[in-house]
Amino acid sequence: MTNRVEHRRGQRVAAAMWLRLGSGGAELGMGNLADVSISGAFLETSIKLPVNTNITLEPLTSAGVALDDLKLAARVARVEQRGLGIEWRTLLTPERLALLGVQVPPPPVWRWPQAS
């Protein structure tokens, strides 16, 4: 058994949203966003792509309509039996995460100790 090193920057949050998956301008199929962080996500899908493949994800509403022309650039970081681990090309902002239906708590604020 090998130990996988995680390179995530940010807290992973459960999600549930359908996405249209594309690469090189071609639509490849659909996947379900299982969890997300500011640096990446896990996409449940039967599509298998090589690691480092550049992909585009287009979130869909519950009616199957693209969400405000939002397209997210990512790369395949790992391939598993149940789907793809992906890394965003740019870190997602809290506003972008909110469009994906997730609320990520802000990082803790460090404060200087009070002098007594």
N, C-alpha and C. Protein backbone atom coordinates (compact mmCIF):
# COMPACT_ATOMS: atom_id res chain seq x y z
N MET A 1 0.84 -1.17 0.00
CA MET A 1 0.00 0.00 0.00
C MET A 1 0.89 1.24 0.00
N THR A 2 0.52 2.22 -0.81
CA THR A 2 1.30 3.46 -0.87
C THR A 2 0.55 4.56 -0.15
N ASN A 3 1.30 5.45 0.45
CA ASN A 3 0.69 6.61 1.09
C ASN A 3 0.66 7.75 0.10
N ARG A 4 -0.53 8.26 -0.17
CA ARG A 4 -0.68 9.36 -1.12
C ARG A 4 -0.50 10.68 -0.39
N VAL A 5 0.30 11.55 -0.93
CA VAL A 5 0.53 12.87 -0.35
C VAL A 5 -0.51 13.82 -0.93
N GLU A 6 -1.22 14.52 -0.07
CA GLU A 6 -2.20 15.50 -0.51
C GLU A 6 -1.54 16.87 -0.56
N HIS A 7 -1.84 17.62 -1.61
CA HIS A 7 -1.27 18.96 -1.78
C HIS A 7 -2.35 20.03 -1.75
N ARG A 8 -3.44 19.75 -1.08
CA ARG A 8 -4.58 20.65 -1.05
C ARG A 8 -4.26 21.89 -0.22
N ARG A 9 -4.69 23.04 -0.72
CA ARG A 9 -4.58 24.29 0.01
C ARG A 9 -6.01 24.74 0.30
N GLY A 10 -6.48 24.46 1.47
CA GLY A 10 -7.84 24.82 1.83
C GLY A 10 -8.60 23.61 2.32
N GLN A 11 -9.64 23.88 3.04
CA GLN A 11 -10.47 22.84 3.63
C GLN A 11 -11.38 22.20 2.59
N ARG A 12 -11.45 20.88 2.59
CA ARG A 12 -12.34 20.16 1.68
C ARG A 12 -13.77 20.21 2.25
N VAL A 13 -14.72 20.52 1.38
CA VAL A 13 -16.12 20.64 1.78
C VAL A 13 -16.97 19.77 0.87
N ALA A 14 -17.91 19.05 1.45
CA ALA A 14 -18.81 18.21 0.65
C ALA A 14 -19.63 19.08 -0.29
N ALA A 15 -19.89 18.57 -1.47
CA ALA A 15 -20.67 19.30 -2.47
C ALA A 15 -21.52 18.29 -3.24
N ALA A 16 -22.46 18.78 -3.99
CA ALA A 16 -23.29 17.92 -4.85
C ALA A 16 -23.81 18.78 -5.99
N MET A 17 -23.09 18.75 -7.10
CA MET A 17 -23.50 19.54 -8.26
C MET A 17 -23.04 18.83 -9.52
N TRP A 18 -23.91 18.79 -10.51
CA TRP A 18 -23.54 18.21 -11.80
C TRP A 18 -22.75 19.21 -12.61
N LEU A 19 -21.73 18.68 -13.30
CA LEU A 19 -20.86 19.50 -14.13
C LEU A 19 -20.72 18.86 -15.50
N ARG A 20 -20.59 19.70 -16.51
CA ARG A 20 -20.26 19.24 -17.85
C ARG A 20 -18.74 19.30 -17.96
N LEU A 21 -18.14 18.21 -18.40
CA LEU A 21 -16.70 18.08 -18.48
C LEU A 21 -16.25 18.18 -19.93
N GLY A 22 -15.26 19.02 -20.18
CA GLY A 22 -14.74 19.17 -21.54
C GLY A 22 -13.23 19.26 -21.55
N SER A 23 -12.66 19.04 -22.73
CA SER A 23 -11.22 19.17 -22.91
C SER A 23 -10.94 19.50 -24.38
N GLY A 24 -10.10 20.49 -24.60
CA GLY A 24 -9.75 20.88 -25.97
C GLY A 24 -10.94 21.34 -26.79
N GLY A 25 -11.94 21.92 -26.15
CA GLY A 25 -13.14 22.40 -26.85
C GLY A 25 -14.19 21.34 -27.10
N ALA A 26 -13.91 20.09 -26.75
CA ALA A 26 -14.88 19.00 -26.96
C ALA A 26 -15.53 18.63 -25.64
N GLU A 27 -16.85 18.40 -25.68
CA GLU A 27 -17.56 17.93 -24.49
C GLU A 27 -17.30 16.44 -24.33
N LEU A 28 -16.87 16.05 -23.12
CA LEU A 28 -16.52 14.66 -22.85
C LEU A 28 -17.63 13.91 -22.12
N GLY A 29 -18.45 14.63 -21.37
CA GLY A 29 -19.51 13.98 -20.61
C GLY A 29 -19.84 14.74 -19.35
N MET A 30 -20.39 14.02 -18.38
CA MET A 30 -20.87 14.63 -17.15
C MET A 30 -20.17 14.03 -15.94
N GLY A 31 -20.22 14.75 -14.85
CA GLY A 31 -19.70 14.26 -13.59
C GLY A 31 -20.40 14.96 -12.45
N ASN A 32 -20.29 14.40 -11.26
CA ASN A 32 -20.89 14.98 -10.07
C ASN A 32 -19.77 15.47 -9.15
N LEU A 33 -19.83 16.74 -8.79
CA LEU A 33 -18.85 17.32 -7.88
C LEU A 33 -19.12 16.76 -6.48
N ALA A 34 -18.20 15.95 -5.96
CA ALA A 34 -18.41 15.30 -4.66
C ALA A 34 -17.89 16.14 -3.50
N ASP A 35 -16.74 16.76 -3.69
CA ASP A 35 -16.21 17.68 -2.68
C ASP A 35 -15.32 18.70 -3.37
N VAL A 36 -15.08 19.79 -2.67
CA VAL A 36 -14.36 20.90 -3.29
C VAL A 36 -13.56 21.65 -2.23
N SER A 37 -12.44 22.23 -2.65
CA SER A 37 -11.68 23.15 -1.82
C SER A 37 -11.23 24.29 -2.73
N ILE A 38 -10.55 25.27 -2.17
CA ILE A 38 -10.11 26.39 -3.00
C ILE A 38 -9.10 25.95 -4.04
N SER A 39 -8.42 24.81 -3.81
CA SER A 39 -7.37 24.39 -4.74
C SER A 39 -7.77 23.23 -5.65
N GLY A 40 -8.89 22.56 -5.39
CA GLY A 40 -9.27 21.44 -6.24
C GLY A 40 -10.58 20.82 -5.82
N ALA A 41 -10.86 19.64 -6.39
CA ALA A 41 -12.13 18.98 -6.12
C ALA A 41 -12.01 17.51 -6.50
N PHE A 42 -13.04 16.75 -6.13
CA PHE A 42 -13.15 15.38 -6.62
C PHE A 42 -14.43 15.28 -7.43
N LEU A 43 -14.29 14.77 -8.64
CA LEU A 43 -15.40 14.66 -9.58
C LEU A 43 -15.73 13.18 -9.77
N GLU A 44 -16.93 12.79 -9.34
CA GLU A 44 -17.38 11.42 -9.56
C GLU A 44 -17.85 11.30 -11.00
N THR A 45 -17.17 10.41 -11.76
CA THR A 45 -17.47 10.24 -13.18
C THR A 45 -16.91 8.92 -13.66
N SER A 46 -17.46 8.41 -14.73
CA SER A 46 -16.92 7.20 -15.33
C SER A 46 -15.84 7.53 -16.37
N ILE A 47 -15.67 8.80 -16.66
CA ILE A 47 -14.66 9.25 -17.64
C ILE A 47 -13.27 9.09 -17.03
N LYS A 48 -12.39 8.48 -17.76
CA LYS A 48 -11.00 8.31 -17.31
C LYS A 48 -10.09 9.10 -18.25
N LEU A 49 -9.31 9.98 -17.68
CA LEU A 49 -8.37 10.81 -18.44
C LEU A 49 -6.99 10.68 -17.84
N PRO A 50 -5.96 10.87 -18.64
CA PRO A 50 -4.60 10.81 -18.09
C PRO A 50 -4.35 11.95 -17.09
N VAL A 51 -3.49 11.68 -16.12
CA VAL A 51 -3.05 12.72 -15.18
C VAL A 51 -2.43 13.85 -15.99
N ASN A 52 -2.67 15.06 -15.56
CA ASN A 52 -2.20 16.32 -16.17
C ASN A 52 -3.00 16.75 -17.39
N THR A 53 -4.10 16.06 -17.71
CA THR A 53 -4.97 16.52 -18.80
C THR A 53 -5.63 17.83 -18.39
N ASN A 54 -5.59 18.82 -19.27
CA ASN A 54 -6.30 20.08 -19.02
C ASN A 54 -7.77 19.87 -19.32
N ILE A 55 -8.62 20.30 -18.40
CA ILE A 55 -10.07 20.14 -18.56
C ILE A 55 -10.78 21.43 -18.22
N THR A 56 -12.02 21.52 -18.66
CA THR A 56 -12.91 22.62 -18.33
C THR A 56 -14.16 22.03 -17.71
N LEU A 57 -14.60 22.60 -16.61
CA LEU A 57 -15.82 22.16 -15.94
C LEU A 57 -16.84 23.28 -15.99
N GLU A 58 -18.05 22.92 -16.38
CA GLU A 58 -19.14 23.88 -16.50
C GLU A 58 -20.26 23.45 -15.57
N PRO A 59 -20.45 24.16 -14.43
CA PRO A 59 -21.52 23.80 -13.50
C PRO A 59 -22.89 23.95 -14.15
N LEU A 60 -23.81 23.05 -13.78
CA LEU A 60 -25.16 23.05 -14.32
C LEU A 60 -26.18 23.25 -13.21
N THR A 61 -27.29 23.92 -13.52
CA THR A 61 -28.38 24.05 -12.57
C THR A 61 -29.11 22.71 -12.48
N SER A 62 -30.03 22.60 -11.55
CA SER A 62 -30.79 21.35 -11.40
C SER A 62 -31.61 21.05 -12.65
N ALA A 63 -31.86 22.06 -13.49
CA ALA A 63 -32.59 21.86 -14.74
C ALA A 63 -31.65 21.49 -15.89
N GLY A 64 -30.34 21.37 -15.61
CA GLY A 64 -29.38 20.99 -16.64
C GLY A 64 -28.89 22.13 -17.49
N VAL A 65 -29.12 23.37 -17.06
CA VAL A 65 -28.71 24.56 -17.81
C VAL A 65 -27.38 25.05 -17.25
N ALA A 66 -26.48 25.49 -18.12
CA ALA A 66 -25.19 26.02 -17.68
C ALA A 66 -25.40 27.18 -16.72
N LEU A 67 -24.58 27.26 -15.71
CA LEU A 67 -24.71 28.24 -14.64
C LEU A 67 -23.97 29.53 -15.00
N ASP A 68 -24.69 30.54 -15.46
CA ASP A 68 -24.13 31.87 -15.72
C ASP A 68 -22.85 31.85 -16.55
N ASP A 69 -22.77 30.97 -17.53
CA ASP A 69 -21.58 30.86 -18.38
C ASP A 69 -20.29 30.71 -17.58
N LEU A 70 -20.40 30.10 -16.40
CA LEU A 70 -19.23 29.87 -15.56
C LEU A 70 -18.49 28.63 -16.05
N LYS A 71 -17.23 28.79 -16.39
CA LYS A 71 -16.38 27.66 -16.80
C LYS A 71 -15.13 27.70 -15.95
N LEU A 72 -14.78 26.57 -15.38
CA LEU A 72 -13.64 26.47 -14.48
C LEU A 72 -12.54 25.64 -15.13
N ALA A 73 -11.35 26.20 -15.22
CA ALA A 73 -10.21 25.49 -15.80
C ALA A 73 -9.53 24.68 -14.70
N ALA A 74 -9.16 23.44 -15.04
CA ALA A 74 -8.53 22.56 -14.07
C ALA A 74 -7.61 21.60 -14.81
N ARG A 75 -6.92 20.78 -14.04
CA ARG A 75 -6.12 19.69 -14.59
C ARG A 75 -6.40 18.44 -13.76
N VAL A 76 -6.27 17.28 -14.38
CA VAL A 76 -6.47 16.02 -13.67
C VAL A 76 -5.22 15.78 -12.82
N ALA A 77 -5.43 15.67 -11.50
CA ALA A 77 -4.32 15.44 -10.58
C ALA A 77 -4.17 13.96 -10.25
N ARG A 78 -5.29 13.21 -10.24
CA ARG A 78 -5.24 11.77 -9.98
C ARG A 78 -6.48 11.12 -10.56
N VAL A 79 -6.37 9.84 -10.84
CA VAL A 79 -7.48 9.06 -11.38
C VAL A 79 -7.76 7.93 -10.41
N GLU A 80 -9.03 7.81 -10.01
CA GLU A 80 -9.45 6.74 -9.11
C GLU A 80 -10.59 5.98 -9.76
N GLN A 81 -10.94 4.86 -9.17
CA GLN A 81 -12.01 4.04 -9.74
C GLN A 81 -13.32 4.82 -9.83
N ARG A 82 -13.61 5.64 -8.83
CA ARG A 82 -14.91 6.34 -8.84
C ARG A 82 -14.86 7.73 -9.49
N GLY A 83 -13.67 8.15 -9.97
CA GLY A 83 -13.64 9.45 -10.62
C GLY A 83 -12.27 10.08 -10.70
N LEU A 84 -12.26 11.42 -10.75
CA LEU A 84 -11.05 12.20 -10.97
C LEU A 84 -10.80 13.19 -9.85
N GLY A 85 -9.58 13.22 -9.35
CA GLY A 85 -9.15 14.29 -8.46
C GLY A 85 -8.62 15.40 -9.34
N ILE A 86 -9.11 16.60 -9.16
CA ILE A 86 -8.70 17.70 -10.04
C ILE A 86 -8.12 18.85 -9.23
N GLU A 87 -7.27 19.61 -9.89
CA GLU A 87 -6.68 20.81 -9.30
C GLU A 87 -7.07 21.99 -10.17
N TRP A 88 -7.63 23.02 -9.54
CA TRP A 88 -8.00 24.23 -10.29
C TRP A 88 -6.75 24.88 -10.83
N ARG A 89 -6.86 25.50 -12.00
CA ARG A 89 -5.73 26.23 -12.58
C ARG A 89 -5.44 27.49 -11.79
N THR A 90 -6.47 28.11 -11.20
CA THR A 90 -6.30 29.23 -10.28
C THR A 90 -7.16 28.94 -9.06
N LEU A 91 -6.69 29.34 -7.89
CA LEU A 91 -7.45 29.10 -6.67
C LEU A 91 -8.83 29.74 -6.77
N LEU A 92 -9.84 29.04 -6.25
CA LEU A 92 -11.20 29.58 -6.30
C LEU A 92 -11.42 30.55 -5.15
N THR A 93 -12.11 31.62 -5.45
CA THR A 93 -12.47 32.61 -4.43
C THR A 93 -13.71 32.12 -3.69
N PRO A 94 -13.99 32.66 -2.50
CA PRO A 94 -15.22 32.29 -1.81
C PRO A 94 -16.48 32.55 -2.66
N GLU A 95 -16.43 33.57 -3.51
CA GLU A 95 -17.58 33.87 -4.37
C GLU A 95 -17.79 32.75 -5.40
N ARG A 96 -16.71 32.28 -5.99
CA ARG A 96 -16.81 31.17 -6.96
C ARG A 96 -17.29 29.90 -6.26
N LEU A 97 -16.77 29.65 -5.06
CA LEU A 97 -17.22 28.46 -4.31
C LEU A 97 -18.70 28.55 -4.00
N ALA A 98 -19.18 29.75 -3.68
CA ALA A 98 -20.60 29.93 -3.40
C ALA A 98 -21.44 29.60 -4.63
N LEU A 99 -20.95 29.92 -5.83
CA LEU A 99 -21.67 29.57 -7.05
C LEU A 99 -21.77 28.05 -7.21
N LEU A 100 -20.82 27.33 -6.62
CA LEU A 100 -20.86 25.87 -6.66
C LEU A 100 -21.68 25.29 -5.52
N GLY A 101 -22.30 26.18 -4.74
CA GLY A 101 -23.19 25.74 -3.68
C GLY A 101 -22.51 25.35 -2.39
N VAL A 102 -21.27 25.78 -2.19
CA VAL A 102 -20.57 25.46 -0.95
C VAL A 102 -20.14 26.73 -0.23
N GLN A 103 -20.16 26.67 1.07
CA GLN A 103 -19.70 27.76 1.91
C GLN A 103 -18.47 27.26 2.66
N VAL A 104 -17.35 27.88 2.42
CA VAL A 104 -16.12 27.50 3.09
C VAL A 104 -15.89 28.50 4.21
N PRO A 105 -15.70 28.00 5.44
CA PRO A 105 -15.44 28.94 6.53
C PRO A 105 -14.14 29.68 6.30
N PRO A 106 -14.08 30.95 6.71
CA PRO A 106 -12.85 31.71 6.52
C PRO A 106 -11.73 31.12 7.37
N PRO A 107 -10.49 31.30 6.97
CA PRO A 107 -9.39 30.78 7.78
C PRO A 107 -9.34 31.51 9.11
N PRO A 108 -8.80 30.86 10.14
CA PRO A 108 -8.71 31.54 11.44
C PRO A 108 -7.79 32.75 11.36
N VAL A 109 -8.12 33.76 12.11
CA VAL A 109 -7.32 34.98 12.13
C VAL A 109 -6.34 34.89 13.29
N TRP A 110 -5.07 35.05 12.97
CA TRP A 110 -4.06 35.01 14.02
C TRP A 110 -3.92 36.40 14.60
N ARG A 111 -3.87 36.48 15.90
CA ARG A 111 -3.72 37.78 16.59
C ARG A 111 -2.51 37.73 17.52
N TRP A 112 -1.85 38.87 17.65
CA TRP A 112 -0.75 38.97 18.59
C TRP A 112 -1.29 38.79 19.99
N PRO A 113 -0.56 38.09 20.83
CA PRO A 113 -1.00 37.94 22.23
C PRO A 113 -1.08 39.32 22.90
N GLN A 114 -2.08 39.48 23.72
CA GLN A 114 -2.26 40.74 24.47
C GLN A 114 -1.25 40.82 25.60
N ALA A 115 -0.66 41.97 25.76
CA ALA A 115 0.27 42.17 26.87
C ALA A 115 -0.52 42.27 28.16
N SER A 116 0.00 41.63 29.22
CA SER A 116 -0.73 41.71 30.49
C SER A 116 -0.18 42.76 31.39
